C-alpha atoms as a PDB file:
ATOM      1  CA  MET A   1     -13.988  -0.194 -16.616  1.00  0.00           C
ATOM      2  CA  SER A   2     -14.294  -3.702 -15.228  1.00  0.00           C
ATOM      3  CA  VAL A   3     -13.697  -4.089 -11.507  1.00  0.00           C
ATOM      4  CA  SER A   4     -13.093  -7.737 -10.684  1.00  0.00           C
ATOM      5  CA  ARG A   5     -12.873  -7.355  -6.919  1.00  0.00           C
ATOM      6  CA  ASP A   6     -15.926  -7.808  -4.730  1.00  0.00           C
ATOM      7  CA  LEU A   7     -16.562  -4.257  -3.551  1.00  0.00           C
ATOM      8  CA  ALA A   8     -19.714  -5.345  -1.734  1.00  0.00           C
ATOM      9  CA  VAL A   9     -17.659  -6.514   1.270  1.00  0.00           C
ATOM     10  CA  TRP A  10     -16.366  -3.498   3.153  1.00  0.00           C
ATOM     11  CA  PRO A  11     -13.665  -3.764   5.781  1.00  0.00           C
ATOM     12  CA  GLU A  12     -14.904  -3.517   9.355  1.00  0.00           C
ATOM     13  CA  GLY A  13     -15.337   0.074  10.535  1.00  0.00           C
ATOM     14  CA  VAL A  14     -15.600   1.670   7.082  1.00  0.00           C
ATOM     15  CA  LEU A  15     -18.277   4.391   7.060  1.00  0.00           C
ATOM     16  CA  ALA A  16     -18.053   5.393   3.412  1.00  0.00           C
ATOM     17  CA  ARG A  17     -16.191   4.141   0.372  1.00  0.00           C
ATOM     18  CA  PHE A  18     -15.257   5.964  -2.833  1.00  0.00           C
ATOM     19  CA  LEU A  19     -14.156   4.176  -6.003  1.00  0.00           C
ATOM     20  CA  THR A  20     -11.075   5.654  -7.677  1.00  0.00           C
ATOM     21  CA  VAL A  21     -10.767   6.026 -11.428  1.00  0.00           C
ATOM     22  CA  ALA A  22      -8.359   3.064 -11.453  1.00  0.00           C
ATOM     23  CA  GLY A  23     -10.540   0.728  -9.385  1.00  0.00           C
ATOM     24  CA  ALA A  24      -9.004   1.130  -5.932  1.00  0.00           C
ATOM     25  CA  THR A  25     -11.017   2.613  -3.082  1.00  0.00           C
ATOM     26  CA  VAL A  26     -10.751   5.471  -0.628  1.00  0.00           C
ATOM     27  CA  ASP A  27     -12.214   4.372   2.686  1.00  0.00           C
ATOM     28  CA  LEU A  28     -13.497   6.579   5.504  1.00  0.00           C
ATOM     29  CA  SER A  29     -13.555   5.316   9.075  1.00  0.00           C
ATOM     30  CA  TYR A  30     -14.000   6.873  12.501  1.00  0.00           C
ATOM     31  CA  GLU A  31     -11.398   6.475  15.235  1.00  0.00           C
ATOM     32  CA  SER A  32     -13.359   7.040  18.429  1.00  0.00           C
ATOM     33  CA  ASP A  33     -10.331   7.091  20.747  1.00  0.00           C
ATOM     34  CA  SER A  34      -8.933  10.147  18.940  1.00  0.00           C
ATOM     35  CA  ALA A  35     -12.280  11.507  17.630  1.00  0.00           C
ATOM     36  CA  THR A  36     -10.861  11.469  14.121  1.00  0.00           C
ATOM     37  CA  ILE A  37     -12.394  10.698  10.739  1.00  0.00           C
ATOM     38  CA  ALA A  38      -9.655   8.889   8.817  1.00  0.00           C
ATOM     39  CA  ALA A  39      -9.470   8.435   5.051  1.00  0.00           C
ATOM     40  CA  ALA A  40      -7.049   6.088   3.295  1.00  0.00           C
ATOM     41  CA  CYS A  41      -6.545   5.153  -0.350  1.00  0.00           C
ATOM     42  CA  THR A  42      -6.077   1.458  -1.161  1.00  0.00           C
ATOM     43  CA  GLY A  43      -4.249   2.140  -4.433  1.00  0.00           C
ATOM     44  CA  GLU A  44      -0.969   0.210  -4.478  1.00  0.00           C
ATOM     45  CA  LEU A  45       1.849   2.449  -3.176  1.00  0.00           C
ATOM     46  CA  CYS A  46      -0.448   5.477  -3.083  1.00  0.00           C
ATOM     47  CA  GLY A  47      -0.141   6.190   0.615  1.00  0.00           C
ATOM     48  CA  TRP A  48      -2.670   9.048   0.538  1.00  0.00           C
ATOM     49  CA  THR A  49      -4.383   9.606   3.844  1.00  0.00           C
ATOM     50  CA  ALA A  50      -6.337  12.422   5.408  1.00  0.00           C
ATOM     51  CA  ARG A  51      -7.396  12.916   8.999  1.00  0.00           C
ATOM     52  CA  THR A  52     -10.197  15.181  10.194  1.00  0.00           C
ATOM     53  CA  ASP A  53     -10.111  15.957  13.897  1.00  0.00           C
ATOM     54  CA  THR A  54     -13.600  16.243  15.378  1.00  0.00           C
ATOM     55  CA  ARG A  55     -12.579  16.722  19.005  1.00  0.00           C
ATOM     56  CA  GLY A  56     -14.213  19.407  21.055  1.00  0.00           C
ATOM     57  CA  LEU A  57     -14.194  20.195  24.724  1.00  0.00           C
ATOM     58  CA  TYR A  58     -13.835  17.634  27.479  1.00  0.00           C
ATOM     59  CA  SER A  59     -17.184  18.794  28.855  1.00  0.00           C
ATOM     60  CA  ASP A  60     -19.099  18.235  25.580  1.00  0.00           C
ATOM     61  CA  THR A  61     -22.257  16.179  25.803  1.00  0.00           C
ATOM     62  CA  PRO A  62     -22.767  13.132  23.559  1.00  0.00           C
ATOM     63  CA  GLU A  63     -25.203  15.214  21.505  1.00  0.00           C
ATOM     64  CA  GLN A  64     -22.536  17.880  20.945  1.00  0.00           C
ATOM     65  CA  GLU A  65     -20.034  15.196  19.929  1.00  0.00           C
ATOM     66  CA  ARG A  66     -22.510  13.707  17.411  1.00  0.00           C
ATOM     67  CA  LYS A  67     -23.242  17.158  15.973  1.00  0.00           C
ATOM     68  CA  ARG A  68     -19.552  17.908  15.564  1.00  0.00           C
ATOM     69  CA  PHE A  69     -19.050  14.566  13.801  1.00  0.00           C
ATOM     70  CA  ALA A  70     -22.018  15.315  11.521  1.00  0.00           C
ATOM     71  CA  ASP A  71     -20.584  18.770  10.779  1.00  0.00           C
ATOM     72  CA  TRP A  72     -17.134  17.411   9.848  1.00  0.00           C
ATOM     73  CA  LEU A  73     -18.218  14.299   7.936  1.00  0.00           C
ATOM     74  CA  PRO A  74     -19.068  16.207   4.706  1.00  0.00           C
ATOM     75  CA  VAL A  75     -15.585  17.801   4.803  1.00  0.00           C
ATOM     76  CA  ALA A  76     -13.921  14.391   5.106  1.00  0.00           C
ATOM     77  CA  LYS A  77     -16.136  12.966   2.357  1.00  0.00           C
ATOM     78  CA  LYS A  78     -15.223  15.835   0.016  1.00  0.00           C
ATOM     79  CA  ARG A  79     -11.490  15.249   0.576  1.00  0.00           C
ATOM     80  CA  ALA A  80     -11.912  11.525  -0.074  1.00  0.00           C
ATOM     81  CA  GLN A  81     -13.993  12.108  -3.204  1.00  0.00           C
ATOM     82  CA  ASP A  82     -11.483  14.646  -4.559  1.00  0.00           C
ATOM     83  CA  HIS A  83      -8.664  12.125  -4.152  1.00  0.00           C
ATOM     84  CA  ALA A  84     -10.723   9.270  -5.635  1.00  0.00           C
ATOM     85  CA  GLU A  85     -11.421  11.360  -8.751  1.00  0.00           C
ATOM     86  CA  ARG A  86      -7.684  11.848  -9.355  1.00  0.00           C
ATOM     87  CA  CYS A  87      -5.914   8.701  -8.115  1.00  0.00           C
ATOM     88  CA  ARG A  88      -4.790   6.415 -10.908  1.00  0.00           C
ATOM     89  CA  LEU A  89      -2.911   3.828  -8.871  1.00  0.00           C
ATOM     90  CA  LEU A  90      -4.303   0.344  -9.284  1.00  0.00           C
ATOM     91  CA  PRO A  91      -5.214  -1.914  -6.409  1.00  0.00           C
ATOM     92  CA  ARG A  92      -2.898  -4.899  -5.996  1.00  0.00           C
ATOM     93  CA  PRO A  93      -4.594  -7.963  -7.540  1.00  0.00           C
ATOM     94  CA  GLY A  94      -5.711 -10.484  -4.959  1.00  0.00           C
ATOM     95  CA  ARG A  95      -5.102  -8.227  -1.987  1.00  0.00           C
ATOM     96  CA  ASP A  96      -7.293  -8.904   1.029  1.00  0.00           C
ATOM     97  CA  GLU A  97      -8.827  -5.484   1.749  1.00  0.00           C
ATOM     98  CA  THR A  98     -10.139  -6.477   5.144  1.00  0.00           C
ATOM     99  CA  ARG A  99      -6.579  -7.113   6.270  1.00  0.00           C
ATOM    100  CA  GLU A 100      -5.275  -3.958   4.597  1.00  0.00           C
ATOM    101  CA  ALA A 101      -7.907  -1.609   6.033  1.00  0.00           C
ATOM    102  CA  GLY A 102      -5.849  -0.782   9.102  1.00  0.00           C
ATOM    103  CA  ARG A 103      -2.664   0.120   7.307  1.00  0.00           C
END
């Protein structure tokens, strides 16, 4: 498969990126205000998203927050990888991914 887009440039805030079978991507990012790991597919009209809540207790230390994030990240990555292995929707040609990352 030939992927003509420049996948070397990731949108700001993307922690991990998975290539779908059709050449789109599934991007993982962290939303610190809600303590959520968010995944979104960039396949045209796909609309697949997944959210992994990593919130704990108000009294958690920064170390506890980092551990919880580290514990949940593999779960979010697995969900993203599973979707990427199945999604066959193509990315829209010429789309600016950096603008689309927040959709």
